[in-house]
Amino acid sequence: MSAALIAFVTTFALVLAVELPDKTFVASLVLTTRFPWKAVLAGVSAAFAVQTLIAVGFGSVLTFLPDRLVSVIVGVMFGVGSAMLLREGFRTGDDGSHDASRGGAAPVSFRRAALTSFGVLFAAEWGDASQLATAGLVARSAQPLAVGLASLAALVTVAGLAVLLGRKLRTKLRPRLLQRIAGVVFAGFSLIAFGTAILG
C-alpha cells in the first residue's frame, strides 16, 4: 500500500470518527431543519473545503491561534444563529400551519441559506479537532493532497448524513417547533464556546 493511500485511509477514518459525534454533525442537521437541504449541503461543503485548504496550507500553524479568540468567534456565530432561529420560531401572527402542511422549511433564497450555512460551519470548524488533526497529519505524513482529500471527503460524508437525518426530521415535526429546538441547540453551543473562552 502506497504512502499516499495509507495517509488517505488514516485521515478519512480519523476525521470521520472525530466529527460524527461533534457539533459539525449537529449543526448541519439543525441547519437542514431550517433551510433547503441543497443549500445547506452546498454551504457546509464550501466551508469544509476552505477549512481543509487552510489546514493543509498552513499545517500546524493553526495551533498557534489564540484559543480564547477562536472560542469567542464560534460563540458569536452560534449566538447569532440561535437568535435568528428563535425569532422565527416564536414569531407571532402565523402559527406555521401552512409550512407544516408542506413539511418544508420556510421560504428563503438558496444564496442566503448557503451563505448562512457556510458562515456557521466555517466558524464552528475553525480550530476544531478535525482541522488540527488534518494540519498535524499533513506535517507528519508529508502527503498534503491525500490528507486534504481524505479530510474533505470525511467532512462532506458527515454533513451528508446530517442532511439526510435533518430532512427526515423536518417532514415529521412542525417547522416552528424545529426552529425553536434548533435555536436552543445553537444557544447551547454558543454558551459552551463562551464558557471555554472564559475558563480557558
C-alpha atoms as a PDB file:
ATOM      1  CA  MET A   1       0.000   0.000   0.000  1.00  0.00           C
ATOM      2  CA  SER A   2       1.438   3.385  -1.016  1.00  0.00           C
ATOM      3  CA  ALA A   3       2.158   6.151   1.485  1.00  0.00           C
ATOM      4  CA  ALA A   4      -0.499   8.363  -0.115  1.00  0.00           C
ATOM      5  CA  LEU A   5      -3.189   5.672   0.205  1.00  0.00           C
ATOM      6  CA  ILE A   6      -2.235   4.990   3.813  1.00  0.00           C
ATOM      7  CA  ALA A   7      -2.443   8.729   4.552  1.00  0.00           C
ATOM      8  CA  PHE A   8      -5.846   8.932   2.832  1.00  0.00           C
ATOM      9  CA  VAL A   9      -7.370   5.973   4.685  1.00  0.00           C
ATOM     10  CA  THR A  10      -5.924   7.034   8.045  1.00  0.00           C
ATOM     11  CA  THR A  11      -7.114  10.616   7.680  1.00  0.00           C
ATOM     12  CA  PHE A  12     -10.596   9.651   6.477  1.00  0.00           C
ATOM     13  CA  ALA A  13     -11.126   7.242   9.387  1.00  0.00           C
ATOM     14  CA  LEU A  14      -9.797   9.686  11.967  1.00  0.00           C
ATOM     15  CA  VAL A  15     -11.774  12.722  10.800  1.00  0.00           C
ATOM     16  CA  LEU A  16     -14.965  10.672  10.402  1.00  0.00           C
ATOM     17  CA  ALA A  17     -14.599   9.329  13.948  1.00  0.00           C
ATOM     18  CA  VAL A  18     -13.923  12.798  15.354  1.00  0.00           C
ATOM     19  CA  GLU A  19     -16.771  14.549  13.526  1.00  0.00           C
ATOM     20  CA  LEU A  20     -19.665  12.081  13.784  1.00  0.00           C
ATOM     21  CA  PRO A  21     -20.464  12.935  17.412  1.00  0.00           C
ATOM     22  CA  ASP A  22     -19.230  16.524  17.051  1.00  0.00           C
ATOM     23  CA  LYS A  23     -21.015  19.861  16.683  1.00  0.00           C
ATOM     24  CA  THR A  24     -20.410  19.724  12.925  1.00  0.00           C
ATOM     25  CA  PHE A  25     -22.921  16.895  12.589  1.00  0.00           C
ATOM     26  CA  VAL A  26     -25.459  18.560  14.895  1.00  0.00           C
ATOM     27  CA  ALA A  27     -25.088  21.972  13.274  1.00  0.00           C
ATOM     28  CA  SER A  28     -25.547  20.539   9.769  1.00  0.00           C
ATOM     29  CA  LEU A  29     -28.613  18.620  10.925  1.00  0.00           C
ATOM     30  CA  VAL A  30     -30.117  21.692  12.586  1.00  0.00           C
ATOM     31  CA  LEU A  31     -29.470  23.893   9.552  1.00  0.00           C
ATOM     32  CA  THR A  32     -31.290  21.361   7.368  1.00  0.00           C
ATOM     33  CA  THR A  33     -34.397  21.676   9.545  1.00  0.00           C
ATOM     34  CA  ARG A  34     -34.381  25.408   8.784  1.00  0.00           C
ATOM     35  CA  PHE A  35     -33.097  25.731   5.218  1.00  0.00           C
ATOM     36  CA  PRO A  36     -33.378  23.784   1.925  1.00  0.00           C
ATOM     37  CA  TRP A  37     -31.060  20.778   2.117  1.00  0.00           C
ATOM     38  CA  LYS A  38     -29.271  21.507  -1.161  1.00  0.00           C
ATOM     39  CA  ALA A  39     -28.308  24.984   0.042  1.00  0.00           C
ATOM     40  CA  VAL A  40     -27.130  23.629   3.386  1.00  0.00           C
ATOM     41  CA  LEU A  41     -25.032  20.918   1.767  1.00  0.00           C
ATOM     42  CA  ALA A  42     -23.520  23.423  -0.667  1.00  0.00           C
ATOM     43  CA  GLY A  43     -22.727  25.910   2.094  1.00  0.00           C
ATOM     44  CA  VAL A  44     -21.213  23.463   4.562  1.00  0.00           C
ATOM     45  CA  SER A  45     -19.239  21.686   1.836  1.00  0.00           C
ATOM     46  CA  ALA A  46     -17.754  25.007   0.743  1.00  0.00           C
ATOM     47  CA  ALA A  47     -16.879  25.809   4.356  1.00  0.00           C
ATOM     48  CA  PHE A  48     -15.209  22.425   4.757  1.00  0.00           C
ATOM     49  CA  ALA A  49     -13.268  22.915   1.519  1.00  0.00           C
ATOM     50  CA  VAL A  50     -11.912  26.284   2.660  1.00  0.00           C
ATOM     51  CA  GLN A  51     -11.078  24.982   6.139  1.00  0.00           C
ATOM     52  CA  THR A  52      -9.329  21.945   4.688  1.00  0.00           C
ATOM     53  CA  LEU A  53      -7.270  24.136   2.344  1.00  0.00           C
ATOM     54  CA  ILE A  54      -6.283  26.298   5.296  1.00  0.00           C
ATOM     55  CA  ALA A  55      -5.315  23.263   7.353  1.00  0.00           C
ATOM     56  CA  VAL A  56      -3.308  21.728   4.527  1.00  0.00           C
ATOM     57  CA  GLY A  57      -1.686  25.015   3.510  1.00  0.00           C
ATOM     58  CA  PHE A  58      -0.587  26.120   6.929  1.00  0.00           C
ATOM     59  CA  GLY A  59      -0.061  22.746   8.562  1.00  0.00           C
ATOM     60  CA  SER A  60       0.289  23.004  12.291  1.00  0.00           C
ATOM     61  CA  VAL A  61       0.424  26.835  12.282  1.00  0.00           C
ATOM     62  CA  LEU A  62      -3.291  26.845  13.176  1.00  0.00           C
ATOM     63  CA  THR A  63      -2.462  25.524  16.617  1.00  0.00           C
ATOM     64  CA  PHE A  64      -0.842  28.885  17.426  1.00  0.00           C
ATOM     65  CA  LEU A  65      -4.110  30.839  17.100  1.00  0.00           C
ATOM     66  CA  PRO A  66      -5.360  32.049  20.489  1.00  0.00           C
ATOM     67  CA  ASP A  67      -7.873  29.510  21.795  1.00  0.00           C
ATOM     68  CA  ARG A  68      -9.945  32.202  23.504  1.00  0.00           C
ATOM     69  CA  LEU A  69     -10.314  34.222  20.313  1.00  0.00           C
ATOM     70  CA  VAL A  70     -11.451  31.128  18.411  1.00  0.00           C
ATOM     71  CA  SER A  71     -13.976  30.313  21.150  1.00  0.00           C
ATOM     72  CA  VAL A  72     -15.372  33.862  21.150  1.00  0.00           C
ATOM     73  CA  ILE A  73     -15.810  33.855  17.355  1.00  0.00           C
ATOM     74  CA  VAL A  74     -17.567  30.487  17.466  1.00  0.00           C
ATOM     75  CA  GLY A  75     -19.754  31.691  20.340  1.00  0.00           C
ATOM     76  CA  VAL A  76     -20.805  34.809  18.456  1.00  0.00           C
ATOM     77  CA  MET A  77     -21.660  32.865  15.296  1.00  0.00           C
ATOM     78  CA  PHE A  78     -23.772  30.328  17.158  1.00  0.00           C
ATOM     79  CA  GLY A  79     -25.354  33.115  19.213  1.00  0.00           C
ATOM     80  CA  VAL A  80     -26.421  34.959  16.073  1.00  0.00           C
ATOM     81  CA  GLY A  81     -27.759  31.732  14.580  1.00  0.00           C
ATOM     82  CA  SER A  82     -29.682  31.000  17.771  1.00  0.00           C
ATOM     83  CA  ALA A  83     -31.250  34.473  17.811  1.00  0.00           C
ATOM     84  CA  MET A  84     -32.370  34.149  14.184  1.00  0.00           C
ATOM     85  CA  LEU A  85     -33.880  30.710  14.718  1.00  0.00           C
ATOM     86  CA  LEU A  86     -35.657  31.623  17.951  1.00  0.00           C
ATOM     87  CA  ARG A  87     -37.038  34.823  16.401  1.00  0.00           C
ATOM     88  CA  GLU A  88     -38.545  32.799  13.563  1.00  0.00           C
ATOM     89  CA  GLY A  89     -39.728  30.035  15.871  1.00  0.00           C
ATOM     90  CA  PHE A  90     -41.595  32.394  18.198  1.00  0.00           C
ATOM     91  CA  ARG A  91     -42.813  34.884  15.589  1.00  0.00           C
ATOM     92  CA  THR A  92     -46.437  35.851  16.197  1.00  0.00           C
ATOM     93  CA  GLY A  93     -49.203  36.182  13.643  1.00  0.00           C
ATOM     94  CA  ASP A  94     -48.538  32.879  11.905  1.00  0.00           C
ATOM     95  CA  ASP A  95     -48.807  29.520  13.586  1.00  0.00           C
ATOM     96  CA  GLY A  96     -46.742  27.866  10.869  1.00  0.00           C
ATOM     97  CA  SER A  97     -49.593  25.552   9.828  1.00  0.00           C
ATOM     98  CA  HIS A  98     -49.039  26.393   6.180  1.00  0.00           C
ATOM     99  CA  ASP A  99     -45.393  25.430   6.440  1.00  0.00           C
ATOM    100  CA  ALA A 100     -46.294  22.354   8.433  1.00  0.00           C
ATOM    101  CA  SER A 101     -48.697  21.197   5.775  1.00  0.00           C
ATOM    102  CA  ARG A 102     -45.921  21.409   3.237  1.00  0.00           C
ATOM    103  CA  GLY A 103     -43.469  19.715   5.578  1.00  0.00           C
ATOM    104  CA  GLY A 104     -40.723  22.023   4.364  1.00  0.00           C
ATOM    105  CA  ALA A 105     -38.585  24.870   5.548  1.00  0.00           C
ATOM    106  CA  ALA A 106     -39.748  28.481   5.432  1.00  0.00           C
ATOM    107  CA  PRO A 107     -39.056  30.159   2.063  1.00  0.00           C
ATOM    108  CA  VAL A 108     -35.532  31.519   1.830  1.00  0.00           C
ATOM    109  CA  SER A 109     -33.203  32.135  -1.086  1.00  0.00           C
ATOM    110  CA  PHE A 110     -30.640  29.488  -1.949  1.00  0.00           C
ATOM    111  CA  ARG A 111     -27.867  32.060  -1.694  1.00  0.00           C
ATOM    112  CA  ARG A 112     -28.858  33.231   1.774  1.00  0.00           C
ATOM    113  CA  ALA A 113     -29.263  29.688   3.085  1.00  0.00           C
ATOM    114  CA  ALA A 114     -25.931  28.597   1.627  1.00  0.00           C
ATOM    115  CA  LEU A 115     -24.080  31.649   2.969  1.00  0.00           C
ATOM    116  CA  THR A 116     -25.602  31.195   6.428  1.00  0.00           C
ATOM    117  CA  SER A 117     -24.630  27.523   6.428  1.00  0.00           C
ATOM    118  CA  PHE A 118     -21.137  28.425   5.226  1.00  0.00           C
ATOM    119  CA  GLY A 119     -20.682  31.020   7.974  1.00  0.00           C
ATOM    120  CA  VAL A 120     -21.910  28.801  10.792  1.00  0.00           C
ATOM    121  CA  LEU A 121     -19.822  25.789   9.797  1.00  0.00           C
ATOM    122  CA  PHE A 122     -16.747  27.848   8.928  1.00  0.00           C
ATOM    123  CA  ALA A 123     -16.761  29.358  12.427  1.00  0.00           C
ATOM    124  CA  ALA A 124     -17.586  26.048  14.079  1.00  0.00           C
ATOM    125  CA  GLU A 125     -14.727  24.263  12.326  1.00  0.00           C
ATOM    126  CA  TRP A 126     -12.099  26.945  12.931  1.00  0.00           C
ATOM    127  CA  GLY A 127      -9.535  25.391  15.219  1.00  0.00           C
ATOM    128  CA  ASP A 128     -11.718  22.290  15.566  1.00  0.00           C
ATOM    129  CA  ALA A 129     -10.207  18.885  16.305  1.00  0.00           C
ATOM    130  CA  SER A 130     -10.587  17.715  12.704  1.00  0.00           C
ATOM    131  CA  GLN A 131      -8.870  20.790  11.299  1.00  0.00           C
ATOM    132  CA  LEU A 132      -5.994  20.499  13.743  1.00  0.00           C
ATOM    133  CA  ALA A 133      -5.773  16.766  13.057  1.00  0.00           C
ATOM    134  CA  THR A 134      -5.604  17.482   9.327  1.00  0.00           C
ATOM    135  CA  ALA A 135      -2.828  20.011   9.843  1.00  0.00           C
ATOM    136  CA  GLY A 136      -0.915  17.588  12.047  1.00  0.00           C
ATOM    137  CA  LEU A 137      -1.312  14.693   9.609  1.00  0.00           C
ATOM    138  CA  VAL A 138      -0.060  16.870   6.741  1.00  0.00           C
ATOM    139  CA  ALA A 139       3.020  17.794   8.744  1.00  0.00           C
ATOM    140  CA  ARG A 140       3.640  14.193   9.799  1.00  0.00           C
ATOM    141  CA  SER A 141       2.890  12.305   6.581  1.00  0.00           C
ATOM    142  CA  ALA A 142       4.153  14.817   4.000  1.00  0.00           C
ATOM    143  CA  GLN A 143       1.145  13.803   1.864  1.00  0.00           C
ATOM    144  CA  PRO A 144      -0.847  17.067   1.682  1.00  0.00           C
ATOM    145  CA  LEU A 145      -3.030  16.066  -1.271  1.00  0.00           C
ATOM    146  CA  ALA A 146      -4.056  12.688   0.157  1.00  0.00           C
ATOM    147  CA  VAL A 147      -4.673  14.100   3.629  1.00  0.00           C
ATOM    148  CA  GLY A 148      -6.611  17.077   2.300  1.00  0.00           C
ATOM    149  CA  LEU A 149      -8.849  14.995   0.035  1.00  0.00           C
ATOM    150  CA  ALA A 150      -9.499  12.446   2.784  1.00  0.00           C
ATOM    151  CA  SER A 151     -10.349  15.118   5.338  1.00  0.00           C
ATOM    152  CA  LEU A 152     -12.740  16.865   2.942  1.00  0.00           C
ATOM    153  CA  ALA A 153     -14.350  13.542   1.966  1.00  0.00           C
ATOM    154  CA  ALA A 154     -14.923  12.643   5.626  1.00  0.00           C
ATOM    155  CA  LEU A 155     -16.386  16.055   6.472  1.00  0.00           C
ATOM    156  CA  VAL A 156     -18.749  16.016   3.482  1.00  0.00           C
ATOM    157  CA  THR A 157     -19.793  12.453   4.401  1.00  0.00           C
ATOM    158  CA  VAL A 158     -20.692  13.603   7.917  1.00  0.00           C
ATOM    159  CA  ALA A 159     -22.589  16.597   6.519  1.00  0.00           C
ATOM    160  CA  GLY A 160     -24.440  14.349   4.059  1.00  0.00           C
ATOM    161  CA  LEU A 161     -25.567  12.028   6.858  1.00  0.00           C
ATOM    162  CA  ALA A 162     -26.688  15.006   8.929  1.00  0.00           C
ATOM    163  CA  VAL A 163     -28.615  16.488   5.998  1.00  0.00           C
ATOM    164  CA  LEU A 164     -30.388  13.165   5.374  1.00  0.00           C
ATOM    165  CA  LEU A 165     -31.432  12.931   9.006  1.00  0.00           C
ATOM    166  CA  GLY A 166     -32.426  16.594   9.078  1.00  0.00           C
ATOM    167  CA  ARG A 167     -34.690  16.167   6.037  1.00  0.00           C
ATOM    168  CA  LYS A 168     -36.491  13.254   7.672  1.00  0.00           C
ATOM    169  CA  LEU A 169     -36.973  15.171  10.925  1.00  0.00           C
ATOM    170  CA  ARG A 170     -38.280  18.202   9.041  1.00  0.00           C
ATOM    171  CA  THR A 171     -41.101  16.204   7.488  1.00  0.00           C
ATOM    172  CA  LYS A 172     -42.141  14.728  10.849  1.00  0.00           C
ATOM    173  CA  LEU A 173     -42.224  17.846  13.011  1.00  0.00           C
ATOM    174  CA  ARG A 174     -43.721  21.321  12.694  1.00  0.00           C
ATOM    175  CA  PRO A 175     -41.215  23.846  11.284  1.00  0.00           C
ATOM    176  CA  ARG A 176     -41.764  26.312  14.134  1.00  0.00           C
ATOM    177  CA  LEU A 177     -41.041  23.638  16.727  1.00  0.00           C
ATOM    178  CA  LEU A 178     -37.885  22.663  14.836  1.00  0.00           C
ATOM    179  CA  GLN A 179     -36.770  26.282  14.712  1.00  0.00           C
ATOM    180  CA  ARG A 180     -37.228  26.597  18.474  1.00  0.00           C
ATOM    181  CA  ILE A 181     -35.300  23.383  19.123  1.00  0.00           C
ATOM    182  CA  ALA A 182     -32.581  24.469  16.721  1.00  0.00           C
ATOM    183  CA  GLY A 183     -32.363  27.882  18.395  1.00  0.00           C
ATOM    184  CA  VAL A 184     -31.906  26.279  21.813  1.00  0.00           C
ATOM    185  CA  VAL A 185     -29.254  23.881  20.454  1.00  0.00           C
ATOM    186  CA  PHE A 186     -27.322  26.753  18.858  1.00  0.00           C
ATOM    187  CA  ALA A 187     -27.628  28.776  22.085  1.00  0.00           C
ATOM    188  CA  GLY A 188     -26.120  25.815  23.918  1.00  0.00           C
ATOM    189  CA  PHE A 189     -23.181  25.713  21.510  1.00  0.00           C
ATOM    190  CA  SER A 190     -22.728  29.472  21.973  1.00  0.00           C
ATOM    191  CA  LEU A 191     -22.673  29.168  25.786  1.00  0.00           C
ATOM    192  CA  ILE A 192     -20.183  26.294  25.621  1.00  0.00           C
ATOM    193  CA  ALA A 193     -17.899  28.341  23.356  1.00  0.00           C
ATOM    194  CA  PHE A 194     -18.082  31.422  25.600  1.00  0.00           C
ATOM    195  CA  GLY A 195     -17.536  29.223  28.641  1.00  0.00           C
ATOM    196  CA  THR A 196     -14.422  27.818  27.017  1.00  0.00           C
ATOM    197  CA  ALA A 197     -13.186  31.347  26.300  1.00  0.00           C
ATOM    198  CA  ILE A 198     -13.749  32.443  29.907  1.00  0.00           C
ATOM    199  CA  LEU A 199     -12.438  29.343  31.639  1.00  0.00           C
ATOM    200  CA  GLY A 200      -9.695  28.584  29.133  1.00  0.00           C
END
